[in-house]
Amino acid sequence: MTITSVNNDRIKELVKLKDKKYRDLNDLFFVEGKDLCDVAYEKGLLREIFIIDGYDNYYDGIPLTYVSNDVMKKISSMESCSPYFGVCAKCVEGELGNKILILDNIQDPGNLGTIIRSAVAFKFDTVVLSSNTVDLYNPKVVRSTKGMLFNMNIIVRDLLTFLPELDGYTIYGTDVTNGINIKEEKIPEKCAIIIGNEGNGISNEVREYCEKFLYIGMEEGCESLNAGVSASILMYEVYNK
């Protein structure tokens, strides 16, 4: 059986997953494209698969629905939709580990995706999202992680509650004026680095919990790097110490 009507009740339910409210209510999100569906399947998080009629099914044991091209365009969040659309359970939280990256009100989905990919590349253990950071399961974030959200422990916390409980970690902020050059700092085994909002940096309330501040040495005339690039360089430097 193939669903051909965009007014089908199941299709209407899927479209609601574009809204954070419904993702949170159901603890579900979606991925688009065979590559992301493959990773979700390998991680045991794929709950349902929708495929354009005529394409092959590679997901044994997963409830399958074939849909028409028009229906896939309806449920897709991309201009050019993929033949594969997967509904997934949200990732399960793990232990914090020693190397933590904390994001304070990051708003750009592309920045968050870049940061998560870099955190995997440079072996950070956990990425902590403030409660006002862009939703991890926003479709643009999911796509920009290139599947790496499935390979990183990512948690969401109220930072003003979380930071006071972060015992045993040296907490670093970023400050291009009064910070220590990251190349000159001996990073302890247990550390947490906070990256602030794209426009306003680390909030004053969160800044109070920073024990030290770091900056990235660069040529004069370049005022700052964007949050994704800055976080990636800092994690790279920690990785190579």
C-alpha atoms as a PDB file:
ATOM      1  CA  MET A   1       0.000   0.000   0.000  1.00  0.00           C
ATOM      2  CA  THR A   2       1.206   3.487  -0.875  1.00  0.00           C
ATOM      3  CA  ILE A   3      -0.048   6.701   0.749  1.00  0.00           C
ATOM      4  CA  THR A   4      -0.846   9.158  -2.015  1.00  0.00           C
ATOM      5  CA  SER A   5      -2.876  11.796  -0.181  1.00  0.00           C
ATOM      6  CA  VAL A   6      -1.197  14.692   1.632  1.00  0.00           C
ATOM      7  CA  ASN A   7      -4.346  14.854   3.795  1.00  0.00           C
ATOM      8  CA  ASN A   8      -3.791  11.376   5.210  1.00  0.00           C
ATOM      9  CA  ASP A   9      -3.985  11.457   9.028  1.00  0.00           C
ATOM     10  CA  ARG A  10      -0.593   9.751   9.472  1.00  0.00           C
ATOM     11  CA  ILE A  11       1.029  12.277   7.158  1.00  0.00           C
ATOM     12  CA  LYS A  12      -0.501  15.142   9.127  1.00  0.00           C
ATOM     13  CA  GLU A  13       1.053  13.685  12.289  1.00  0.00           C
ATOM     14  CA  LEU A  14       4.470  13.474  10.643  1.00  0.00           C
ATOM     15  CA  VAL A  15       4.329  17.097   9.540  1.00  0.00           C
ATOM     16  CA  LYS A  16       3.818  18.107  13.180  1.00  0.00           C
ATOM     17  CA  LEU A  17       7.312  16.788  13.981  1.00  0.00           C
ATOM     18  CA  LYS A  18       8.695  19.901  12.287  1.00  0.00           C
ATOM     19  CA  ASP A  19       7.527  21.705  15.441  1.00  0.00           C
ATOM     20  CA  LYS A  20       9.660  21.400  18.597  1.00  0.00           C
ATOM     21  CA  LYS A  21       6.515  21.153  20.717  1.00  0.00           C
ATOM     22  CA  TYR A  22       5.488  17.889  19.039  1.00  0.00           C
ATOM     23  CA  ARG A  23       9.016  16.503  18.999  1.00  0.00           C
ATOM     24  CA  ASP A  24       9.209  17.010  22.756  1.00  0.00           C
ATOM     25  CA  LEU A  25       5.707  15.666  23.336  1.00  0.00           C
ATOM     26  CA  ASN A  26       6.463  12.409  21.523  1.00  0.00           C
ATOM     27  CA  ASP A  27      10.225  12.127  22.168  1.00  0.00           C
ATOM     28  CA  LEU A  28      10.614  11.660  18.434  1.00  0.00           C
ATOM     29  CA  PHE A  29      12.346  13.512  15.613  1.00  0.00           C
ATOM     30  CA  PHE A  30      12.987  12.820  11.958  1.00  0.00           C
ATOM     31  CA  VAL A  31      15.942  12.359   9.657  1.00  0.00           C
ATOM     32  CA  GLU A  32      15.984  12.731   5.894  1.00  0.00           C
ATOM     33  CA  GLY A  33      18.237  10.986   3.430  1.00  0.00           C
ATOM     34  CA  LYS A  34      19.485   7.429   3.268  1.00  0.00           C
ATOM     35  CA  ASP A  35      22.797   8.215   4.993  1.00  0.00           C
ATOM     36  CA  LEU A  36      21.096   9.587   8.111  1.00  0.00           C
ATOM     37  CA  CYS A  37      18.509   6.816   8.093  1.00  0.00           C
ATOM     38  CA  ASP A  38      21.353   4.294   7.916  1.00  0.00           C
ATOM     39  CA  VAL A  39      23.099   5.759  10.971  1.00  0.00           C
ATOM     40  CA  ALA A  40      19.852   5.921  12.961  1.00  0.00           C
ATOM     41  CA  TYR A  41      19.182   2.285  12.022  1.00  0.00           C
ATOM     42  CA  GLU A  42      22.679   1.201  13.099  1.00  0.00           C
ATOM     43  CA  LYS A  43      22.231   2.982  16.452  1.00  0.00           C
ATOM     44  CA  GLY A  44      18.895   1.288  17.063  1.00  0.00           C
ATOM     45  CA  LEU A  45      16.973   4.571  17.089  1.00  0.00           C
ATOM     46  CA  LEU A  46      15.040   4.269  13.832  1.00  0.00           C
ATOM     47  CA  ARG A  47      11.389   3.650  14.673  1.00  0.00           C
ATOM     48  CA  GLU A  48       9.648   4.024  11.315  1.00  0.00           C
ATOM     49  CA  ILE A  49      10.713   4.479   7.712  1.00  0.00           C
ATOM     50  CA  PHE A  50       8.892   6.209   4.843  1.00  0.00           C
ATOM     51  CA  ILE A  51      10.146   5.604   1.322  1.00  0.00           C
ATOM     52  CA  ILE A  52       9.006   6.966  -2.027  1.00  0.00           C
ATOM     53  CA  ASP A  53       7.306   4.181  -3.933  1.00  0.00           C
ATOM     54  CA  GLY A  54       9.773   2.465  -6.253  1.00  0.00           C
ATOM     55  CA  TYR A  55      12.864   2.792  -4.043  1.00  0.00           C
ATOM     56  CA  ASP A  56      14.386  -0.120  -2.157  1.00  0.00           C
ATOM     57  CA  ASN A  57      13.938  -0.817   1.543  1.00  0.00           C
ATOM     58  CA  TYR A  58      17.165  -1.538   3.468  1.00  0.00           C
ATOM     59  CA  TYR A  59      15.753  -1.524   7.004  1.00  0.00           C
ATOM     60  CA  ASP A  60      14.744  -4.986   8.180  1.00  0.00           C
ATOM     61  CA  GLY A  61      12.358  -5.069  11.126  1.00  0.00           C
ATOM     62  CA  ILE A  62      11.397  -1.388  10.892  1.00  0.00           C
ATOM     63  CA  PRO A  63       7.749  -0.486  10.142  1.00  0.00           C
ATOM     64  CA  LEU A  64       7.665   0.647   6.523  1.00  0.00           C
ATOM     65  CA  THR A  65       5.283   2.896   4.614  1.00  0.00           C
ATOM     66  CA  TYR A  66       5.593   3.743   0.943  1.00  0.00           C
ATOM     67  CA  VAL A  67       4.482   7.227  -0.085  1.00  0.00           C
ATOM     68  CA  SER A  68       4.080   9.137  -3.310  1.00  0.00           C
ATOM     69  CA  ASN A  69       6.536  11.834  -4.358  1.00  0.00           C
ATOM     70  CA  ASP A  70       3.957  14.544  -3.532  1.00  0.00           C
ATOM     71  CA  VAL A  71       3.471  13.159  -0.024  1.00  0.00           C
ATOM     72  CA  MET A  72       7.240  13.051   0.570  1.00  0.00           C
ATOM     73  CA  LYS A  73       7.463  16.695  -0.497  1.00  0.00           C
ATOM     74  CA  LYS A  74       4.769  17.473   2.090  1.00  0.00           C
ATOM     75  CA  ILE A  75       6.570  15.850   5.023  1.00  0.00           C
ATOM     76  CA  SER A  76      10.085  16.860   3.971  1.00  0.00           C
ATOM     77  CA  SER A  77      11.816  19.954   5.353  1.00  0.00           C
ATOM     78  CA  MET A  78      14.107  20.212   2.315  1.00  0.00           C
ATOM     79  CA  GLU A  79      13.522  21.948  -1.001  1.00  0.00           C
ATOM     80  CA  SER A  80      14.679  18.857  -2.840  1.00  0.00           C
ATOM     81  CA  CYS A  81      13.344  15.940  -0.836  1.00  0.00           C
ATOM     82  CA  SER A  82      15.079  12.615  -0.383  1.00  0.00           C
ATOM     83  CA  PRO A  83      13.351   9.286  -1.123  1.00  0.00           C
ATOM     84  CA  TYR A  84      14.026   8.262   2.503  1.00  0.00           C
ATOM     85  CA  PHE A  85      12.418   9.768   5.620  1.00  0.00           C
ATOM     86  CA  GLY A  86      12.955   8.195   9.035  1.00  0.00           C
ATOM     87  CA  VAL A  87      11.214   8.749  12.362  1.00  0.00           C
ATOM     88  CA  CYS A  88      13.649   8.291  15.248  1.00  0.00           C
ATOM     89  CA  ALA A  89      13.636   8.077  19.025  1.00  0.00           C
ATOM     90  CA  LYS A  90      15.676  10.796  20.702  1.00  0.00           C
ATOM     91  CA  CYS A  91      19.198   9.894  21.777  1.00  0.00           C
ATOM     92  CA  VAL A  92      19.740   8.590  25.314  1.00  0.00           C
ATOM     93  CA  GLU A  93      21.961  10.641  27.652  1.00  0.00           C
ATOM     94  CA  GLY A  94      25.274   9.172  28.800  1.00  0.00           C
ATOM     95  CA  GLU A  95      27.926   9.989  31.402  1.00  0.00           C
ATOM     96  CA  LEU A  96      29.586  13.408  31.246  1.00  0.00           C
ATOM     97  CA  GLY A  97      33.173  12.205  30.780  1.00  0.00           C
ATOM     98  CA  ASN A  98      36.243  14.414  31.226  1.00  0.00           C
ATOM     99  CA  LYS A  99      36.063  16.853  28.317  1.00  0.00           C
ATOM    100  CA  ILE A 100      32.882  18.919  28.159  1.00  0.00           C
ATOM    101  CA  LEU A 101      31.801  21.664  25.772  1.00  0.00           C
ATOM    102  CA  ILE A 102      29.027  23.926  27.046  1.00  0.00           C
ATOM    103  CA  LEU A 103      26.950  26.082  24.712  1.00  0.00           C
ATOM    104  CA  ASP A 104      25.297  29.196  26.121  1.00  0.00           C
ATOM    105  CA  ASN A 105      22.397  30.318  23.910  1.00  0.00           C
ATOM    106  CA  ILE A 106      23.793  29.266  20.518  1.00  0.00           C
ATOM    107  CA  GLN A 107      21.087  30.090  17.977  1.00  0.00           C
ATOM    108  CA  ASP A 108      22.377  29.223  14.523  1.00  0.00           C
ATOM    109  CA  PRO A 109      21.564  25.633  13.480  1.00  0.00           C
ATOM    110  CA  GLY A 110      24.646  25.502  11.260  1.00  0.00           C
ATOM    111  CA  ASN A 111      26.897  26.541  14.124  1.00  0.00           C
ATOM    112  CA  LEU A 112      25.461  23.851  16.378  1.00  0.00           C
ATOM    113  CA  GLY A 113      25.903  21.214  13.695  1.00  0.00           C
ATOM    114  CA  THR A 114      29.515  22.251  13.106  1.00  0.00           C
ATOM    115  CA  ILE A 115      30.263  22.203  16.833  1.00  0.00           C
ATOM    116  CA  ILE A 116      28.840  18.701  17.267  1.00  0.00           C
ATOM    117  CA  ARG A 117      30.854  17.368  14.337  1.00  0.00           C
ATOM    118  CA  SER A 118      34.027  18.949  15.719  1.00  0.00           C
ATOM    119  CA  ALA A 119      33.317  17.584  19.213  1.00  0.00           C
ATOM    120  CA  VAL A 120      33.252  14.079  17.743  1.00  0.00           C
ATOM    121  CA  ALA A 121      36.383  14.725  15.676  1.00  0.00           C
ATOM    122  CA  PHE A 122      38.391  16.017  18.640  1.00  0.00           C
ATOM    123  CA  LYS A 123      37.156  13.466  21.176  1.00  0.00           C
ATOM    124  CA  PHE A 124      35.164  15.621  23.548  1.00  0.00           C
ATOM    125  CA  ASP A 125      32.936  13.475  25.714  1.00  0.00           C
ATOM    126  CA  THR A 126      29.828  15.611  26.117  1.00  0.00           C
ATOM    127  CA  VAL A 127      28.209  18.679  24.595  1.00  0.00           C
ATOM    128  CA  VAL A 128      25.886  20.533  26.976  1.00  0.00           C
ATOM    129  CA  LEU A 129      23.215  22.752  25.434  1.00  0.00           C
ATOM    130  CA  SER A 130      21.701  25.532  27.499  1.00  0.00           C
ATOM    131  CA  SER A 131      17.920  25.416  27.649  1.00  0.00           C
ATOM    132  CA  ASN A 132      17.779  28.479  25.356  1.00  0.00           C
ATOM    133  CA  THR A 133      20.093  27.031  22.693  1.00  0.00           C
ATOM    134  CA  VAL A 134      18.560  26.051  19.340  1.00  0.00           C
ATOM    135  CA  ASP A 135      16.851  22.655  19.546  1.00  0.00           C
ATOM    136  CA  LEU A 136      19.171  19.729  18.832  1.00  0.00           C
ATOM    137  CA  TYR A 137      16.421  18.048  16.819  1.00  0.00           C
ATOM    138  CA  ASN A 138      15.640  21.061  14.640  1.00  0.00           C
ATOM    139  CA  PRO A 139      15.733  19.596  11.093  1.00  0.00           C
ATOM    140  CA  LYS A 140      18.469  22.047  10.033  1.00  0.00           C
ATOM    141  CA  VAL A 141      20.617  21.051  13.014  1.00  0.00           C
ATOM    142  CA  VAL A 142      20.069  17.349  12.344  1.00  0.00           C
ATOM    143  CA  ARG A 143      21.156  17.737   8.714  1.00  0.00           C
ATOM    144  CA  SER A 144      24.184  19.877   9.559  1.00  0.00           C
ATOM    145  CA  THR A 145      25.535  17.316  12.039  1.00  0.00           C
ATOM    146  CA  LYS A 146      25.910  14.838   9.138  1.00  0.00           C
ATOM    147  CA  GLY A 147      24.845  12.062  11.505  1.00  0.00           C
ATOM    148  CA  MET A 148      27.337  12.940  14.245  1.00  0.00           C
ATOM    149  CA  LEU A 149      24.577  13.718  16.754  1.00  0.00           C
ATOM    150  CA  PHE A 150      24.242   9.925  17.020  1.00  0.00           C
ATOM    151  CA  ASN A 151      27.935   9.655  18.009  1.00  0.00           C
ATOM    152  CA  MET A 152      28.105  12.313  20.738  1.00  0.00           C
ATOM    153  CA  ASN A 153      26.631  12.491  24.230  1.00  0.00           C
ATOM    154  CA  ILE A 154      24.486  15.646  24.064  1.00  0.00           C
ATOM    155  CA  ILE A 155      22.427  16.894  26.986  1.00  0.00           C
ATOM    156  CA  VAL A 156      20.249  19.936  27.643  1.00  0.00           C
ATOM    157  CA  ARG A 157      20.510  21.740  30.969  1.00  0.00           C
ATOM    158  CA  ASP A 158      19.686  25.005  32.723  1.00  0.00           C
ATOM    159  CA  LEU A 159      23.268  26.238  33.018  1.00  0.00           C
ATOM    160  CA  LEU A 160      22.678  28.208  36.220  1.00  0.00           C
ATOM    161  CA  THR A 161      21.670  24.935  37.856  1.00  0.00           C
ATOM    162  CA  PHE A 162      24.171  22.706  36.057  1.00  0.00           C
ATOM    163  CA  LEU A 163      27.380  24.723  36.495  1.00  0.00           C
ATOM    164  CA  PRO A 164      27.360  24.898  40.318  1.00  0.00           C
ATOM    165  CA  GLU A 165      27.129  21.105  40.378  1.00  0.00           C
ATOM    166  CA  LEU A 166      30.069  20.594  38.004  1.00  0.00           C
ATOM    167  CA  ASP A 167      32.552  19.489  40.647  1.00  0.00           C
ATOM    168  CA  GLY A 168      36.156  18.650  39.775  1.00  0.00           C
ATOM    169  CA  TYR A 169      36.194  20.406  36.408  1.00  0.00           C
ATOM    170  CA  THR A 170      38.129  23.540  35.491  1.00  0.00           C
ATOM    171  CA  ILE A 171      35.562  25.776  33.801  1.00  0.00           C
ATOM    172  CA  TYR A 172      36.849  27.983  30.991  1.00  0.00           C
ATOM    173  CA  GLY A 173      35.131  30.856  29.260  1.00  0.00           C
ATOM    174  CA  THR A 174      36.348  32.761  26.215  1.00  0.00           C
ATOM    175  CA  ASP A 175      37.636  36.341  26.306  1.00  0.00           C
ATOM    176  CA  VAL A 176      39.706  37.873  23.500  1.00  0.00           C
ATOM    177  CA  THR A 177      40.830  40.761  25.735  1.00  0.00           C
ATOM    178  CA  ASN A 178      41.643  39.262  29.133  1.00  0.00           C
ATOM    179  CA  GLY A 179      42.021  35.584  28.323  1.00  0.00           C
ATOM    180  CA  ILE A 180      44.967  33.204  28.163  1.00  0.00           C
ATOM    181  CA  ASN A 181      46.158  32.070  24.752  1.00  0.00           C
ATOM    182  CA  ILE A 182      44.890  28.491  24.396  1.00  0.00           C
ATOM    183  CA  LYS A 183      48.363  27.421  23.197  1.00  0.00           C
ATOM    184  CA  GLU A 184      49.892  28.578  26.483  1.00  0.00           C
ATOM    185  CA  GLU A 185      47.404  26.990  28.861  1.00  0.00           C
ATOM    186  CA  LYS A 186      47.957  23.546  30.337  1.00  0.00           C
ATOM    187  CA  ILE A 187      44.491  22.047  30.105  1.00  0.00           C
ATOM    188  CA  PRO A 188      43.618  19.699  32.995  1.00  0.00           C
ATOM    189  CA  GLU A 189      42.223  16.241  32.401  1.00  0.00           C
ATOM    190  CA  LYS A 190      38.746  17.341  33.485  1.00  0.00           C
ATOM    191  CA  CYS A 191      37.715  20.575  31.816  1.00  0.00           C
ATOM    192  CA  ALA A 192      34.621  22.376  30.581  1.00  0.00           C
ATOM    193  CA  ILE A 193      34.772  25.087  27.908  1.00  0.00           C
ATOM    194  CA  ILE A 194      31.854  27.477  27.514  1.00  0.00           C
ATOM    195  CA  ILE A 195      31.012  29.000  24.116  1.00  0.00           C
ATOM    196  CA  GLY A 196      28.667  31.963  24.156  1.00  0.00           C
ATOM    197  CA  ASN A 197      25.938  33.318  21.924  1.00  0.00           C
ATOM    198  CA  GLU A 198      26.893  34.416  18.400  1.00  0.00           C
ATOM    199  CA  GLY A 199      26.118  38.071  19.012  1.00  0.00           C
ATOM    200  CA  ASN A 200      26.444  38.598  22.754  1.00  0.00           C
ATOM    201  CA  GLY A 201      28.955  36.011  23.923  1.00  0.00           C
ATOM    202  CA  ILE A 202      28.674  34.318  27.304  1.00  0.00           C
ATOM    203  CA  SER A 203      25.886  35.733  29.452  1.00  0.00           C
ATOM    204  CA  ASN A 204      26.915  37.617  32.580  1.00  0.00           C
ATOM    205  CA  GLU A 205      25.224  35.070  34.843  1.00  0.00           C
ATOM    206  CA  VAL A 206      27.075  32.144  33.248  1.00  0.00           C
ATOM    207  CA  ARG A 207      30.336  34.082  33.125  1.00  0.00           C
ATOM    208  CA  GLU A 208      30.389  34.153  36.928  1.00  0.00           C
ATOM    209  CA  TYR A 209      31.129  30.425  36.950  1.00  0.00           C
ATOM    210  CA  CYS A 210      34.193  30.661  34.705  1.00  0.00           C
ATOM    211  CA  GLU A 211      37.465  30.099  36.568  1.00  0.00           C
ATOM    212  CA  LYS A 212      39.688  31.061  33.620  1.00  0.00           C
ATOM    213  CA  PHE A 213      39.278  32.547  30.169  1.00  0.00           C
ATOM    214  CA  LEU A 214      40.861  31.500  26.883  1.00  0.00           C
ATOM    215  CA  TYR A 215      41.399  33.181  23.553  1.00  0.00           C
ATOM    216  CA  ILE A 216      42.609  32.062  20.138  1.00  0.00           C
ATOM    217  CA  GLY A 217      45.699  33.833  18.855  1.00  0.00           C
ATOM    218  CA  MET A 218      45.196  35.279  15.368  1.00  0.00           C
ATOM    219  CA  GLU A 219      46.254  38.116  13.098  1.00  0.00           C
ATOM    220  CA  GLU A 220      45.359  41.664  14.021  1.00  0.00           C
ATOM    221  CA  GLY A 221      42.488  43.101  12.037  1.00  0.00           C
ATOM    222  CA  CYS A 222      40.276  40.051  12.500  1.00  0.00           C
ATOM    223  CA  GLU A 223      37.935  40.997  15.320  1.00  0.00           C
ATOM    224  CA  SER A 224      36.429  37.593  15.984  1.00  0.00           C
ATOM    225  CA  LEU A 225      35.567  34.164  14.637  1.00  0.00           C
ATOM    226  CA  ASN A 226      32.072  32.750  14.556  1.00  0.00           C
ATOM    227  CA  ALA A 227      30.965  30.440  17.344  1.00  0.00           C
ATOM    228  CA  GLY A 228      31.285  27.255  15.310  1.00  0.00           C
ATOM    229  CA  VAL A 229      34.817  28.030  14.161  1.00  0.00           C
ATOM    230  CA  SER A 230      35.934  29.216  17.611  1.00  0.00           C
ATOM    231  CA  ALA A 231      34.608  26.122  19.351  1.00  0.00           C
ATOM    232  CA  SER A 232      36.226  23.879  16.750  1.00  0.00           C
ATOM    233  CA  ILE A 233      39.663  25.510  17.122  1.00  0.00           C
ATOM    234  CA  LEU A 234      39.530  25.370  20.920  1.00  0.00           C
ATOM    235  CA  MET A 235      38.602  21.688  20.884  1.00  0.00           C
ATOM    236  CA  TYR A 236      41.354  20.991  18.341  1.00  0.00           C
ATOM    237  CA  GLU A 237      43.915  22.675  20.598  1.00  0.00           C
ATOM    238  CA  VAL A 238      42.759  20.684  23.620  1.00  0.00           C
ATOM    239  CA  TYR A 239      42.865  17.485  21.549  1.00  0.00           C
ATOM    240  CA  ASN A 240      46.485  18.135  20.558  1.00  0.00           C
ATOM    241  CA  LYS A 241      47.842  18.936  24.021  1.00  0.00           C
END
